[in-house]
Protein backbone atom coordinates (compact mmCIF):
# COMPACT_ATOMS: atom_id res chain seq x y z
CA MET A 1 0.00 0.00 0.00
CA ASN A 2 1.31 3.45 -0.91
CA LEU A 3 -0.09 5.79 1.70
CA GLU A 4 -0.39 9.49 0.95
CA THR A 5 -0.46 10.59 4.59
CA ILE A 6 -0.07 8.92 7.97
CA TYR A 7 -1.82 10.68 10.87
CA THR A 8 -0.85 9.93 14.45
CA ASP A 9 -0.24 11.67 17.72
CA PRO A 10 3.38 12.67 18.45
CA VAL A 11 4.54 9.52 20.20
CA SER A 12 7.64 9.29 22.30
CA ARG A 13 9.82 6.45 23.49
CA ASN A 14 11.32 6.60 26.95
CA GLY A 15 10.96 10.38 27.05
CA GLN A 16 12.55 10.97 23.63
CA ARG A 17 11.07 13.46 21.19
CA MET A 18 9.78 12.13 17.87
CA THR A 19 12.81 13.49 15.99
CA GLN A 20 15.07 11.45 18.26
CA VAL A 21 12.91 8.36 17.72
CA LYS A 22 13.18 8.80 13.94
CA GLN A 23 16.97 9.22 14.08
CA SER A 24 17.27 6.16 16.28
CA LEU A 25 15.10 4.17 13.85
CA LEU A 26 17.31 5.02 10.88
CA LYS A 27 20.65 4.21 12.56
CA GLY A 28 20.53 0.45 12.02
CA HIS A 29 19.87 0.65 8.27
CA SER A 30 21.98 1.11 5.15
CA ALA A 31 21.91 4.44 3.28
CA ASP A 32 19.51 3.00 0.68
CA GLU A 33 17.19 1.64 3.39
CA GLN A 34 17.31 4.97 5.26
CA LEU A 35 16.30 6.84 2.12
CA PHE A 36 13.42 4.42 1.51
CA ILE A 37 12.20 4.65 5.12
CA GLU A 38 12.38 8.45 5.15
CA TYR A 39 10.71 8.90 1.77
CA ARG A 40 8.04 6.21 1.99
CA ILE A 41 7.14 6.41 5.69
CA LEU A 42 8.64 9.15 7.84
CA ASN A 43 7.97 12.05 5.44
CA LYS A 44 4.30 11.08 5.31
CA ILE A 45 3.73 11.28 9.06
CA THR A 46 1.75 14.29 10.21
CA TYR A 47 0.39 15.21 13.61
CA PRO A 48 -3.18 16.55 13.71
CA SER A 49 -2.61 18.58 16.85
CA THR A 50 0.28 20.57 18.27
CA LYS A 51 -1.11 20.16 21.76
CA ASN A 52 0.07 17.44 24.09
CA ILE A 53 -2.77 14.98 23.59
CA SER A 54 -3.09 11.24 23.62
CA CYS A 55 -5.63 10.26 20.98
CA ASN A 56 -4.43 6.67 20.44
CA PHE A 57 -5.00 6.34 16.75
CA ILE A 58 -3.10 5.85 13.53
CA ALA A 59 -4.73 6.70 10.22
CA GLY A 60 -3.52 6.23 6.67
CA VAL A 61 -4.93 7.96 3.60
CA GLN A 62 -4.98 6.49 0.12
CA ASN A 63 -7.09 7.69 -2.81
CA GLY A 64 -9.42 9.71 -0.57
CA ILE A 65 -10.14 6.77 1.76
CA VAL A 66 -8.91 6.73 5.36
CA GLU A 67 -8.15 3.51 7.23
CA LEU A 68 -8.33 4.33 10.91
CA LEU A 69 -6.99 2.15 13.71
CA LEU A 70 -8.28 3.15 17.16
CA THR A 71 -7.02 1.52 20.31
CA SER A 72 -7.07 1.90 24.06
CA ALA A 73 -3.33 1.14 24.08
CA THR A 74 -0.82 3.96 24.00
CA PHE A 75 1.48 4.20 21.01
CA ASP A 76 4.68 4.42 23.00
CA TYR A 77 7.29 1.99 24.26
CA ASP A 78 5.43 1.15 27.45
CA GLY A 79 2.10 0.68 25.69
CA LEU A 80 3.41 -1.50 22.89
CA LYS A 81 6.28 -3.44 24.44
CA LYS A 82 5.78 -3.57 28.18
CA SER A 83 2.03 -3.63 28.52
CA HIS A 84 0.55 -6.75 30.06
CA SER A 85 -2.97 -5.42 30.09
CA LEU A 86 -5.63 -6.13 27.51
CA SER A 87 -6.39 -3.36 25.05
CA SER A 88 -9.20 -2.88 22.61
CA VAL A 89 -8.52 -2.29 18.93
CA SER A 90 -10.91 -1.18 16.22
CA ILE A 91 -10.28 -0.52 12.53
CA THR A 92 -12.61 1.27 10.18
CA LYS A 93 -12.64 2.97 6.79
CA MET A 94 -14.19 6.31 5.92
CA SER A 95 -13.89 9.10 3.39
CA GLN A 96 -11.15 11.65 3.87
CA GLN A 97 -13.85 14.34 4.25
CA ASP A 98 -15.55 12.43 7.09
CA PHE A 99 -12.20 11.89 8.80
CA GLN A 100 -11.42 15.59 8.55
CA ALA A 101 -14.81 16.59 9.97
CA ASN A 102 -15.13 13.94 12.68
CA PHE A 103 -11.51 13.66 13.88
CA LEU A 104 -9.11 16.36 12.72
CA ASP A 105 -11.49 19.29 13.05
CA LYS A 106 -12.48 18.07 16.54
CA LEU A 107 -8.82 17.89 17.58
CA ALA A 108 -8.31 21.47 16.40
CA GLU A 109 -11.03 22.53 18.85
CA VAL A 110 -9.25 20.99 21.86
């Protein structure tokens, strides 16, 4: 799948800022792999809010359709690697216009 945009909240890992997480991610890869990862994934990540929120979702846009994964888990190191609790996960599809109105515009109001 070639996603146009990836929406998520600005996650951190062990207190690191997202830029540090990205740099750390790229370190273990060859120059060609780093270029691919930056171009195909990292450059497409956008954050719908500049405020410190925890909205626990990842959304990808392709051809005007949004695939949205919602979870009660946190998208950080503790939530994904250390968590021993059960979390709920839901995935849905909607138009990009509905996503804008029902998610992104609502976050802008926070």
